Amino acid sequence: MKAQPVNPNDPNPNLRFLEEVSAKTAGVSRLEMCIQCGTCGGSCPSAEDMDHTPRGLFALIRAGMREEALRSNTPWVCVSCYHCVVRCPQDVHITDVMYTLKSMAIQSGLYSDSPSHKINKAAAGFSSTFIGNVNEYGRSWEVGLATVHALKHFPLRAPSMAPMALGLWAKSRLNITPKRIKGIDQLKAIIAKANTLEVS
């Protein structure tokens, strides 16, 4: 299902928000099959910290409430444990939808304009830094990821991380410098192709 372009003369452009989210989700999201049973929220270990349960967030999407949905902290609090997906009676790919909403929130800039903007902004920054590492090295570089994230979002916590980092390094569990995977050029070509497909 391909997202339709927004018509500036349409008085209700957000009515297509459900179709847009579904189209941008990898595979088949089955988002339209949600019956609002609440199994997802009842299964979620992070639900207490969410401003909307997944069920509530999906209701916002179905109602076309784009800005409120993309400002929600729910996708950012999701820990991708897949409990909700396993237990969903309608086989909705809830975690995949959460990834889509995070991407859409970053692209729209709405993730940082919310009551929980500090959580959202830090999570979005972590995601962007992680993706940057994978694009550059083909894998995560823990030292760079943790350092950039801590200095950018929690600078006062950075010194307290040093003892743990030194302990991991002493046990050869942490690489101080990044290491690229073999075949990084092929990976970059795949990512470039994927980005082209996503834009089209």
N, C-alpha and C. Protein backbone atom coordinates (compact mmCIF):
# COMPACT_ATOMS: atom_id res chain seq x y z
N MET A 1 0.84 -1.18 0.00
CA MET A 1 0.00 0.00 0.00
C MET A 1 0.88 1.24 0.00
N LYS A 2 0.82 2.03 -1.01
CA LYS A 2 1.69 3.20 -1.14
C LYS A 2 1.00 4.43 -0.58
N ALA A 3 1.77 5.25 0.20
CA ALA A 3 1.20 6.46 0.77
C ALA A 3 0.85 7.44 -0.34
N GLN A 4 -0.32 8.04 -0.20
CA GLN A 4 -0.74 9.02 -1.19
C GLN A 4 -0.16 10.38 -0.85
N PRO A 5 0.21 11.18 -1.88
CA PRO A 5 0.71 12.53 -1.59
C PRO A 5 -0.38 13.39 -0.98
N VAL A 6 0.02 14.28 -0.08
CA VAL A 6 -0.96 15.14 0.58
C VAL A 6 -1.41 16.24 -0.38
N ASN A 7 -2.71 16.36 -0.51
CA ASN A 7 -3.29 17.40 -1.35
C ASN A 7 -3.49 18.65 -0.50
N PRO A 8 -2.84 19.78 -0.84
CA PRO A 8 -2.97 20.99 -0.02
C PRO A 8 -4.39 21.52 0.05
N ASN A 9 -5.24 21.13 -0.90
CA ASN A 9 -6.63 21.59 -0.90
C ASN A 9 -7.56 20.65 -0.13
N ASP A 10 -7.01 19.55 0.37
CA ASP A 10 -7.82 18.59 1.12
C ASP A 10 -8.06 19.15 2.52
N PRO A 11 -9.33 19.33 2.93
CA PRO A 11 -9.61 19.89 4.26
C PRO A 11 -9.24 18.95 5.40
N ASN A 12 -9.10 17.65 5.10
CA ASN A 12 -8.75 16.67 6.13
C ASN A 12 -7.59 15.78 5.68
N PRO A 13 -6.40 16.34 5.49
CA PRO A 13 -5.28 15.55 4.96
C PRO A 13 -4.84 14.44 5.90
N ASN A 14 -5.11 14.57 7.20
CA ASN A 14 -4.64 13.56 8.14
C ASN A 14 -5.46 12.28 8.12
N LEU A 15 -6.57 12.26 7.36
CA LEU A 15 -7.38 11.05 7.29
C LEU A 15 -6.61 9.90 6.64
N ARG A 16 -5.53 10.22 5.95
CA ARG A 16 -4.73 9.18 5.31
C ARG A 16 -3.52 8.78 6.15
N PHE A 17 -3.48 9.23 7.38
CA PHE A 17 -2.32 8.96 8.23
C PHE A 17 -2.12 7.46 8.46
N LEU A 18 -3.19 6.72 8.69
CA LEU A 18 -3.09 5.27 8.89
C LEU A 18 -2.45 4.60 7.69
N GLU A 19 -2.91 4.97 6.49
CA GLU A 19 -2.35 4.37 5.28
C GLU A 19 -0.89 4.74 5.11
N GLU A 20 -0.54 5.97 5.48
CA GLU A 20 0.85 6.41 5.35
C GLU A 20 1.77 5.63 6.29
N VAL A 21 1.35 5.46 7.54
CA VAL A 21 2.15 4.70 8.50
C VAL A 21 2.30 3.26 8.04
N SER A 22 1.20 2.66 7.57
CA SER A 22 1.25 1.28 7.09
C SER A 22 2.19 1.14 5.91
N ALA A 23 2.14 2.10 4.99
CA ALA A 23 2.97 2.04 3.79
C ALA A 23 4.45 2.18 4.11
N LYS A 24 4.77 2.93 5.15
CA LYS A 24 6.18 3.16 5.51
C LYS A 24 6.75 2.08 6.42
N THR A 25 5.89 1.19 6.89
CA THR A 25 6.35 0.11 7.77
C THR A 25 6.83 -1.07 6.93
N ALA A 26 7.99 -1.60 7.29
CA ALA A 26 8.55 -2.73 6.54
C ALA A 26 7.59 -3.92 6.59
N GLY A 27 7.47 -4.61 5.46
CA GLY A 27 6.59 -5.77 5.40
C GLY A 27 5.13 -5.35 5.45
N VAL A 28 4.32 -6.16 6.08
CA VAL A 28 2.88 -5.88 6.21
C VAL A 28 2.60 -5.59 7.68
N SER A 29 2.22 -4.37 7.99
CA SER A 29 2.06 -3.97 9.40
C SER A 29 0.79 -4.55 10.04
N ARG A 30 -0.25 -4.73 9.24
CA ARG A 30 -1.57 -5.16 9.73
C ARG A 30 -2.14 -4.18 10.75
N LEU A 31 -1.68 -2.94 10.70
CA LEU A 31 -2.11 -1.92 11.66
C LEU A 31 -3.62 -1.72 11.62
N GLU A 32 -4.20 -1.83 10.44
CA GLU A 32 -5.64 -1.61 10.30
C GLU A 32 -6.45 -2.72 10.97
N MET A 33 -5.80 -3.82 11.36
CA MET A 33 -6.49 -4.94 11.98
C MET A 33 -6.61 -4.81 13.51
N CYS A 34 -6.02 -3.77 14.09
CA CYS A 34 -6.07 -3.57 15.54
C CYS A 34 -7.52 -3.48 16.01
N ILE A 35 -7.88 -4.29 17.02
CA ILE A 35 -9.25 -4.30 17.54
C ILE A 35 -9.33 -3.61 18.91
N GLN A 36 -8.26 -2.93 19.31
CA GLN A 36 -8.25 -2.16 20.56
C GLN A 36 -8.51 -3.04 21.78
N CYS A 37 -7.95 -4.25 21.78
CA CYS A 37 -8.19 -5.18 22.90
C CYS A 37 -7.34 -4.85 24.12
N GLY A 38 -6.20 -4.19 23.91
CA GLY A 38 -5.34 -3.81 25.03
C GLY A 38 -4.31 -4.86 25.42
N THR A 39 -4.23 -5.96 24.68
CA THR A 39 -3.25 -7.00 24.99
C THR A 39 -1.83 -6.44 24.92
N CYS A 40 -1.58 -5.55 23.97
CA CYS A 40 -0.24 -4.98 23.80
C CYS A 40 0.20 -4.21 25.04
N GLY A 41 -0.66 -3.32 25.51
CA GLY A 41 -0.32 -2.53 26.69
C GLY A 41 -0.18 -3.39 27.93
N GLY A 42 -1.04 -4.43 28.04
CA GLY A 42 -0.97 -5.32 29.17
C GLY A 42 0.27 -6.20 29.16
N SER A 43 0.88 -6.37 28.00
CA SER A 43 2.07 -7.20 27.86
C SER A 43 3.36 -6.39 27.92
N CYS A 44 3.25 -5.07 27.87
CA CYS A 44 4.43 -4.21 27.71
C CYS A 44 5.11 -3.90 29.03
N PRO A 45 6.40 -4.20 29.17
CA PRO A 45 7.11 -3.88 30.40
C PRO A 45 7.37 -2.38 30.58
N SER A 46 7.18 -1.61 29.51
CA SER A 46 7.45 -0.17 29.56
C SER A 46 6.18 0.67 29.54
N ALA A 47 5.03 0.04 29.57
CA ALA A 47 3.76 0.76 29.40
C ALA A 47 3.56 1.86 30.44
N GLU A 48 4.07 1.64 31.63
CA GLU A 48 3.88 2.62 32.70
C GLU A 48 4.52 3.97 32.37
N ASP A 49 5.58 3.94 31.56
CA ASP A 49 6.29 5.17 31.22
C ASP A 49 5.81 5.80 29.92
N MET A 50 4.85 5.16 29.26
CA MET A 50 4.34 5.68 27.98
C MET A 50 3.22 6.67 28.22
N ASP A 51 3.20 7.75 27.43
CA ASP A 51 2.07 8.67 27.55
C ASP A 51 0.81 8.11 26.89
N HIS A 52 0.99 7.17 25.95
CA HIS A 52 -0.14 6.44 25.36
C HIS A 52 0.28 4.97 25.27
N THR A 53 -0.60 4.05 25.62
CA THR A 53 -0.30 2.64 25.36
C THR A 53 -0.27 2.45 23.85
N PRO A 54 0.30 1.35 23.36
CA PRO A 54 0.25 1.13 21.90
C PRO A 54 -1.16 1.20 21.35
N ARG A 55 -2.13 0.64 22.09
CA ARG A 55 -3.52 0.70 21.65
C ARG A 55 -3.98 2.15 21.51
N GLY A 56 -3.64 2.97 22.50
CA GLY A 56 -4.02 4.38 22.46
C GLY A 56 -3.35 5.12 21.31
N LEU A 57 -2.08 4.78 21.07
CA LEU A 57 -1.35 5.41 19.98
C LEU A 57 -1.97 5.03 18.63
N PHE A 58 -2.36 3.77 18.49
CA PHE A 58 -2.97 3.32 17.24
C PHE A 58 -4.32 3.99 17.04
N ALA A 59 -5.02 4.26 18.13
CA ALA A 59 -6.30 4.98 18.02
C ALA A 59 -6.07 6.40 17.51
N LEU A 60 -4.99 7.03 17.97
CA LEU A 60 -4.64 8.37 17.47
C LEU A 60 -4.35 8.32 15.97
N ILE A 61 -3.64 7.29 15.56
CA ILE A 61 -3.29 7.15 14.14
C ILE A 61 -4.56 6.97 13.31
N ARG A 62 -5.46 6.12 13.78
CA ARG A 62 -6.70 5.88 13.04
C ARG A 62 -7.56 7.12 12.98
N ALA A 63 -7.44 7.98 14.00
CA ALA A 63 -8.21 9.22 14.02
C ALA A 63 -7.54 10.32 13.21
N GLY A 64 -6.38 10.02 12.64
CA GLY A 64 -5.67 11.01 11.84
C GLY A 64 -4.99 12.09 12.65
N MET A 65 -4.71 11.82 13.93
CA MET A 65 -4.11 12.83 14.81
C MET A 65 -2.59 12.74 14.71
N ARG A 66 -2.09 13.16 13.56
CA ARG A 66 -0.68 13.04 13.20
C ARG A 66 0.26 13.66 14.23
N GLU A 67 0.04 14.93 14.55
CA GLU A 67 0.99 15.62 15.42
C GLU A 67 1.03 15.02 16.81
N GLU A 68 -0.12 14.69 17.38
CA GLU A 68 -0.14 14.10 18.71
C GLU A 68 0.54 12.74 18.71
N ALA A 69 0.31 11.97 17.66
CA ALA A 69 0.93 10.63 17.56
C ALA A 69 2.44 10.75 17.43
N LEU A 70 2.93 11.67 16.61
CA LEU A 70 4.37 11.78 16.38
C LEU A 70 5.08 12.49 17.53
N ARG A 71 4.33 13.16 18.40
CA ARG A 71 4.93 13.77 19.60
C ARG A 71 4.97 12.79 20.77
N SER A 72 4.29 11.67 20.64
CA SER A 72 4.20 10.70 21.73
C SER A 72 5.56 10.12 22.08
N ASN A 73 5.75 9.81 23.35
CA ASN A 73 7.00 9.17 23.76
C ASN A 73 6.93 7.65 23.62
N THR A 74 5.76 7.13 23.28
CA THR A 74 5.56 5.68 23.25
C THR A 74 6.57 4.94 22.37
N PRO A 75 6.79 5.35 21.12
CA PRO A 75 7.77 4.62 20.30
C PRO A 75 9.17 4.66 20.90
N TRP A 76 9.51 5.74 21.59
CA TRP A 76 10.85 5.89 22.14
C TRP A 76 11.04 5.08 23.40
N VAL A 77 9.96 4.83 24.13
CA VAL A 77 10.03 4.04 25.36
C VAL A 77 9.98 2.54 25.05
N CYS A 78 9.47 2.18 23.87
CA CYS A 78 9.41 0.78 23.45
C CYS A 78 10.81 0.17 23.45
N VAL A 79 10.94 -1.01 24.09
CA VAL A 79 12.25 -1.65 24.19
C VAL A 79 12.42 -2.80 23.18
N SER A 80 11.48 -2.92 22.26
CA SER A 80 11.56 -3.92 21.18
C SER A 80 11.67 -5.35 21.73
N CYS A 81 10.93 -5.65 22.78
CA CYS A 81 10.97 -7.00 23.35
C CYS A 81 10.06 -7.97 22.59
N TYR A 82 9.14 -7.42 21.80
CA TYR A 82 8.22 -8.19 20.96
C TYR A 82 7.18 -8.99 21.74
N HIS A 83 7.02 -8.74 23.05
CA HIS A 83 5.95 -9.40 23.79
C HIS A 83 4.59 -9.07 23.18
N CYS A 84 4.42 -7.81 22.83
CA CYS A 84 3.13 -7.38 22.26
C CYS A 84 2.85 -8.08 20.94
N VAL A 85 3.88 -8.23 20.12
CA VAL A 85 3.71 -8.85 18.80
C VAL A 85 3.33 -10.33 18.96
N VAL A 86 4.01 -11.01 19.87
CA VAL A 86 3.74 -12.44 20.08
C VAL A 86 2.31 -12.65 20.58
N ARG A 87 1.83 -11.73 21.41
CA ARG A 87 0.53 -11.92 22.05
C ARG A 87 -0.64 -11.27 21.33
N CYS A 88 -0.35 -10.47 20.32
CA CYS A 88 -1.44 -9.77 19.62
C CYS A 88 -2.34 -10.77 18.89
N PRO A 89 -3.65 -10.78 19.18
CA PRO A 89 -4.54 -11.75 18.53
C PRO A 89 -4.76 -11.45 17.05
N GLN A 90 -4.41 -10.23 16.63
CA GLN A 90 -4.60 -9.84 15.23
C GLN A 90 -3.30 -9.85 14.44
N ASP A 91 -2.21 -10.26 15.08
CA ASP A 91 -0.91 -10.34 14.42
C ASP A 91 -0.46 -8.98 13.86
N VAL A 92 -0.77 -7.92 14.60
CA VAL A 92 -0.29 -6.59 14.22
C VAL A 92 1.20 -6.52 14.54
N HIS A 93 1.99 -6.02 13.61
CA HIS A 93 3.44 -5.93 13.80
C HIS A 93 3.77 -4.63 14.54
N ILE A 94 3.45 -4.64 15.81
CA ILE A 94 3.47 -3.44 16.64
C ILE A 94 4.86 -2.82 16.72
N THR A 95 5.88 -3.64 16.96
CA THR A 95 7.24 -3.11 17.10
C THR A 95 7.72 -2.46 15.81
N ASP A 96 7.39 -3.05 14.67
CA ASP A 96 7.78 -2.46 13.39
C ASP A 96 7.11 -1.11 13.19
N VAL A 97 5.85 -1.00 13.62
CA VAL A 97 5.14 0.28 13.53
C VAL A 97 5.83 1.32 14.40
N MET A 98 6.33 0.91 15.58
CA MET A 98 7.03 1.85 16.47
C MET A 98 8.29 2.40 15.80
N TYR A 99 9.02 1.53 15.10
CA TYR A 99 10.21 2.00 14.37
C TYR A 99 9.80 3.03 13.31
N THR A 100 8.72 2.75 12.62
CA THR A 100 8.23 3.68 11.59
C THR A 100 7.88 5.02 12.19
N LEU A 101 7.18 5.01 13.32
CA LEU A 101 6.77 6.26 13.96
C LEU A 101 7.97 7.06 14.44
N LYS A 102 9.01 6.37 14.92
CA LYS A 102 10.23 7.09 15.32
C LYS A 102 10.86 7.78 14.12
N SER A 103 10.94 7.06 13.02
CA SER A 103 11.51 7.64 11.80
C SER A 103 10.70 8.85 11.33
N MET A 104 9.38 8.71 11.34
CA MET A 104 8.51 9.81 10.91
C MET A 104 8.61 11.00 11.86
N ALA A 105 8.74 10.71 13.16
CA ALA A 105 8.85 11.79 14.14
C ALA A 105 10.14 12.58 13.94
N ILE A 106 11.23 11.87 13.64
CA ILE A 106 12.51 12.54 13.39
C ILE A 106 12.42 13.39 12.13
N GLN A 107 11.86 12.81 11.05
CA GLN A 107 11.75 13.53 9.78
C GLN A 107 10.89 14.78 9.91
N SER A 108 9.86 14.71 10.74
CA SER A 108 8.95 15.85 10.89
C SER A 108 9.43 16.85 11.93
N GLY A 109 10.38 16.42 12.78
CA GLY A 109 10.86 17.29 13.85
C GLY A 109 9.93 17.35 15.05
N LEU A 110 8.85 16.57 15.04
CA LEU A 110 7.87 16.63 16.12
C LEU A 110 8.31 15.89 17.37
N TYR A 111 9.33 15.03 17.26
CA TYR A 111 9.77 14.27 18.42
C TYR A 111 10.28 15.17 19.54
N SER A 112 10.80 16.34 19.18
CA SER A 112 11.38 17.24 20.18
C SER A 112 10.40 18.28 20.69
N ASP A 113 9.16 18.24 20.17
CA ASP A 113 8.17 19.25 20.53
C ASP A 113 7.04 18.55 21.29
N SER A 114 7.34 18.06 22.48
CA SER A 114 6.35 17.31 23.24
C SER A 114 6.64 17.45 24.72
N PRO A 115 5.66 17.11 25.59
CA PRO A 115 5.90 17.17 27.03
C PRO A 115 7.07 16.28 27.46
N SER A 116 7.29 15.21 26.74
CA SER A 116 8.38 14.29 27.09
C SER A 116 9.55 14.48 26.14
N HIS A 117 9.76 15.74 25.69
CA HIS A 117 10.75 15.99 24.63
C HIS A 117 12.16 15.61 25.02
N LYS A 118 12.50 15.66 26.31
CA LYS A 118 13.87 15.29 26.71
C LYS A 118 14.12 13.81 26.45
N ILE A 119 13.16 12.97 26.79
CA ILE A 119 13.29 11.54 26.52
C ILE A 119 13.35 11.31 25.02
N ASN A 120 12.42 11.91 24.30
CA ASN A 120 12.35 11.71 22.85
C ASN A 120 13.61 12.20 22.15
N LYS A 121 14.07 13.38 22.56
CA LYS A 121 15.24 13.96 21.90
C LYS A 121 16.49 13.13 22.16
N ALA A 122 16.65 12.66 23.40
CA ALA A 122 17.81 11.83 23.73
C ALA A 122 17.75 10.50 22.98
N ALA A 123 16.56 9.91 22.92
CA ALA A 123 16.41 8.63 22.21
C ALA A 123 16.65 8.81 20.72
N ALA A 124 16.15 9.90 20.16
CA ALA A 124 16.36 10.16 18.74
C ALA A 124 17.84 10.40 18.45
N GLY A 125 18.52 11.10 19.37
CA GLY A 125 19.96 11.33 19.20
C GLY A 125 20.74 10.04 19.27
N PHE A 126 20.37 9.16 20.21
CA PHE A 126 21.03 7.86 20.33
C PHE A 126 20.84 7.06 19.05
N SER A 127 19.61 7.05 18.54
CA SER A 127 19.31 6.32 17.30
C SER A 127 20.13 6.85 16.13
N SER A 128 20.21 8.16 16.00
CA SER A 128 20.95 8.76 14.89
C SER A 128 22.44 8.45 14.98
N THR A 129 22.99 8.51 16.21
CA THR A 129 24.42 8.21 16.39
C THR A 129 24.70 6.75 16.08
N PHE A 130 23.82 5.86 16.54
CA PHE A 130 23.98 4.43 16.28
C PHE A 130 23.95 4.15 14.78
N ILE A 131 22.97 4.74 14.09
CA ILE A 131 22.86 4.53 12.63
C ILE A 131 24.09 5.08 11.93
N GLY A 132 24.59 6.23 12.40
CA GLY A 132 25.81 6.80 11.82
C GLY A 132 27.00 5.85 11.96
N ASN A 133 27.12 5.22 13.13
CA ASN A 133 28.20 4.24 13.34
C ASN A 133 28.08 3.06 12.39
N VAL A 134 26.87 2.54 12.26
CA VAL A 134 26.66 1.38 11.39
C VAL A 134 26.95 1.76 9.94
N ASN A 135 26.51 2.93 9.52
CA ASN A 135 26.77 3.38 8.15
C ASN A 135 28.27 3.54 7.89
N GLU A 136 29.00 3.99 8.89
CA GLU A 136 30.42 4.26 8.71
C GLU A 136 31.30 3.02 8.89
N TYR A 137 30.97 2.21 9.89
CA TYR A 137 31.85 1.09 10.24
C TYR A 137 31.22 -0.29 9.99
N GLY A 138 29.91 -0.32 9.75
CA GLY A 138 29.24 -1.60 9.56
C GLY A 138 28.84 -2.27 10.85
N ARG A 139 29.09 -1.63 11.96
CA ARG A 139 28.76 -2.15 13.28
C ARG A 139 28.73 -0.99 14.27
N SER A 140 28.23 -1.27 15.45
CA SER A 140 28.23 -0.25 16.49
C SER A 140 29.63 -0.11 17.09
N TRP A 141 29.99 1.11 17.41
CA TRP A 141 31.24 1.39 18.13
C TRP A 141 30.84 1.95 19.49
N GLU A 142 30.90 1.08 20.51
CA GLU A 142 30.33 1.41 21.81
C GLU A 142 30.92 2.66 22.45
N VAL A 143 32.24 2.81 22.38
CA VAL A 143 32.88 3.97 23.01
C VAL A 143 32.39 5.26 22.36
N GLY A 144 32.40 5.29 21.03
CA GLY A 144 31.94 6.49 20.34
C GLY A 144 30.47 6.76 20.59
N LEU A 145 29.67 5.70 20.56
CA LEU A 145 28.23 5.84 20.78
C LEU A 145 27.94 6.39 22.16
N ALA A 146 28.52 5.77 23.19
CA ALA A 146 28.27 6.19 24.56
C ALA A 146 28.81 7.59 24.84
N THR A 147 30.00 7.88 24.30
CA THR A 147 30.61 9.19 24.55
C THR A 147 29.81 10.32 23.92
N VAL A 148 29.46 10.16 22.65
CA VAL A 148 28.69 11.20 21.97
C VAL A 148 27.34 11.38 22.65
N HIS A 149 26.68 10.26 22.95
CA HIS A 149 25.35 10.34 23.57
C HIS A 149 25.42 11.01 24.94
N ALA A 150 26.38 10.59 25.76
CA ALA A 150 26.47 11.15 27.11
C ALA A 150 26.82 12.63 27.08
N LEU A 151 27.80 13.01 26.27
CA LEU A 151 28.21 14.41 26.22
C LEU A 151 27.12 15.32 25.65
N LYS A 152 26.35 14.79 24.72
CA LYS A 152 25.32 15.60 24.07
C LYS A 152 24.07 15.75 24.93
N HIS A 153 23.69 14.67 25.62
CA HIS A 153 22.40 14.69 26.32
C HIS A 153 22.52 14.62 27.84
N PHE A 154 23.57 14.01 28.37
CA PHE A 154 23.72 13.88 29.81
C PHE A 154 25.17 14.15 30.22
N PRO A 155 25.66 15.36 29.95
CA PRO A 155 27.09 15.64 30.17
C PRO A 155 27.55 15.44 31.62
N LEU A 156 26.67 15.65 32.58
CA LEU A 156 27.07 15.48 33.97
C LEU A 156 27.25 14.02 34.35
N ARG A 157 26.66 13.12 33.55
CA ARG A 157 26.79 11.69 33.84
C ARG A 157 28.07 11.09 33.22
N ALA A 158 28.65 11.78 32.26
CA ALA A 158 29.78 11.22 31.51
C ALA A 158 30.94 10.77 32.42
N PRO A 159 31.38 11.57 33.40
CA PRO A 159 32.51 11.11 34.24
C PRO A 159 32.20 9.83 35.00
N SER A 160 30.95 9.63 35.37
CA SER A 160 30.61 8.44 36.16
C SER A 160 30.68 7.16 35.33
N MET A 161 30.74 7.31 34.00
CA MET A 161 30.82 6.14 33.13
C MET A 161 32.25 5.64 32.96
N ALA A 162 33.23 6.48 33.31
CA ALA A 162 34.64 6.14 33.09
C ALA A 162 35.08 4.85 33.78
N PRO A 163 34.75 4.63 35.06
CA PRO A 163 35.20 3.38 35.71
C PRO A 163 34.67 2.13 35.01
N MET A 164 33.41 2.15 34.60
CA MET A 164 32.85 0.99 33.91
C MET A 164 33.56 0.78 32.57
N ALA A 165 33.81 1.88 31.85
CA ALA A 165 34.49 1.78 30.55
C ALA A 165 35.89 1.21 30.72
N LEU A 166 36.61 1.67 31.74
CA LEU A 166 37.97 1.17 31.98
C LEU A 166 37.96 -0.32 32.36
N GLY A 167 36.96 -0.71 33.15
CA GLY A 167 36.84 -2.11 33.52
C GLY A 167 36.58 -3.00 32.31
N LEU A 168 35.70 -2.55 31.41
CA LEU A 168 35.42 -3.31 30.20
C LEU A 168 36.65 -3.37 29.29
N TRP A 169 37.35 -2.25 29.19
CA TRP A 169 38.56 -2.21 28.36
C TRP A 169 39.63 -3.15 28.91
N ALA A 170 39.79 -3.18 30.25
CA ALA A 170 40.80 -4.03 30.88
C ALA A 170 40.52 -5.51 30.63
N LYS A 171 39.26 -5.87 30.44
CA LYS A 171 38.89 -7.26 30.18
C LYS A 171 38.73 -7.53 28.68
N SER A 172 39.23 -6.60 27.86
CA SER A 172 39.16 -6.72 26.39
C SER A 172 37.73 -6.85 25.88
N ARG A 173 36.82 -6.17 26.56
CA ARG A 173 35.42 -6.19 26.16
C ARG A 173 35.00 -4.90 25.47
N LEU A 174 35.95 -4.00 25.26
CA LEU A 174 35.62 -2.70 24.70
C LEU A 174 36.75 -2.24 23.78
N ASN A 175 36.39 -1.86 22.57
CA ASN A 175 37.38 -1.34 21.62
C ASN A 175 37.42 0.18 21.71
N ILE A 176 38.58 0.72 22.02
CA ILE A 176 38.72 2.18 22.13
C ILE A 176 38.58 2.83 20.76
N THR A 177 39.12 2.17 19.74
CA THR A 177 39.01 2.71 18.37
C THR A 177 38.03 1.86 17.56
N PRO A 178 37.35 2.49 16.61
CA PRO A 178 36.38 1.74 15.81
C PRO A 178 37.05 0.79 14.82
N LYS A 179 36.38 -0.29 14.50
CA LYS A 179 36.89 -1.25 13.51
C LYS A 179 35.82 -1.47 12.46
N ARG A 180 36.21 -1.30 11.20
CA ARG A 180 35.26 -1.51 10.11
C ARG A 180 35.13 -3.00 9.80
N ILE A 181 33.94 -3.38 9.38
CA ILE A 181 33.74 -4.76 8.95
C ILE A 181 34.37 -4.96 7.57
N LYS A 182 34.61 -6.21 7.21
CA LYS A 182 35.05 -6.51 5.86
C LYS A 182 33.88 -6.27 4.92
N GLY A 183 34.17 -5.76 3.75
CA GLY A 183 33.10 -5.53 2.77
C GLY A 183 32.25 -4.32 3.09
N ILE A 184 32.85 -3.31 3.73
CA ILE A 184 32.09 -2.11 4.08
C ILE A 184 31.54 -1.40 2.84
N ASP A 185 32.27 -1.49 1.73
CA ASP A 185 31.80 -0.85 0.50
C ASP A 185 30.50 -1.48 0.01
N GLN A 186 30.40 -2.81 0.13
CA GLN A 186 29.16 -3.48 -0.27
C GLN A 186 28.00 -3.07 0.63
N LEU A 187 28.28 -2.95 1.93
CA LEU A 187 27.23 -2.52 2.87
C LEU A 187 26.75 -1.11 2.53
N LYS A 188 27.71 -0.22 2.25
CA LYS A 188 27.34 1.16 1.92
C LYS A 188 26.50 1.20 0.64
N ALA A 189 26.82 0.33 -0.31
CA ALA A 189 26.05 0.27 -1.56
C ALA A 189 24.62 -0.21 -1.27
N ILE A 190 24.48 -1.18 -0.37
CA ILE A 190 23.15 -1.68 0.00
C ILE A 190 22.35 -0.58 0.69
N ILE A 191 22.99 0.15 1.61
CA ILE A 191 22.31 1.23 2.32
C ILE A 191 21.89 2.33 1.36
N ALA A 192 22.78 2.68 0.43
CA ALA A 192 22.45 3.71 -0.56
C ALA A 192 21.25 3.30 -1.40
N LYS A 193 21.22 2.02 -1.81
CA LYS A 193 20.10 1.51 -2.60
C LYS A 193 18.81 1.53 -1.79
N ALA A 194 18.91 1.14 -0.52
CA ALA A 194 17.74 1.14 0.36
C ALA A 194 17.20 2.55 0.53
N ASN A 195 18.11 3.53 0.70
CA ASN A 195 17.68 4.93 0.83
C ASN A 195 16.99 5.42 -0.44
N THR A 196 17.50 4.98 -1.59
CA THR A 196 16.87 5.37 -2.86
C THR A 196 15.46 4.78 -2.96
N LEU A 197 15.30 3.53 -2.56
CA LEU A 197 13.98 2.89 -2.60
C LEU A 197 13.02 3.54 -1.65
N GLU A 198 13.53 3.96 -0.47
CA GLU A 198 12.66 4.59 0.52
C GLU A 198 12.15 5.93 0.02
N VAL A 199 13.01 6.69 -0.65
CA VAL A 199 12.61 8.00 -1.18
C VAL A 199 11.58 7.83 -2.29
N SER A 200 11.79 6.82 -3.14
CA SER A 200 10.87 6.61 -4.24
C SER A 200 9.60 5.91 -3.74
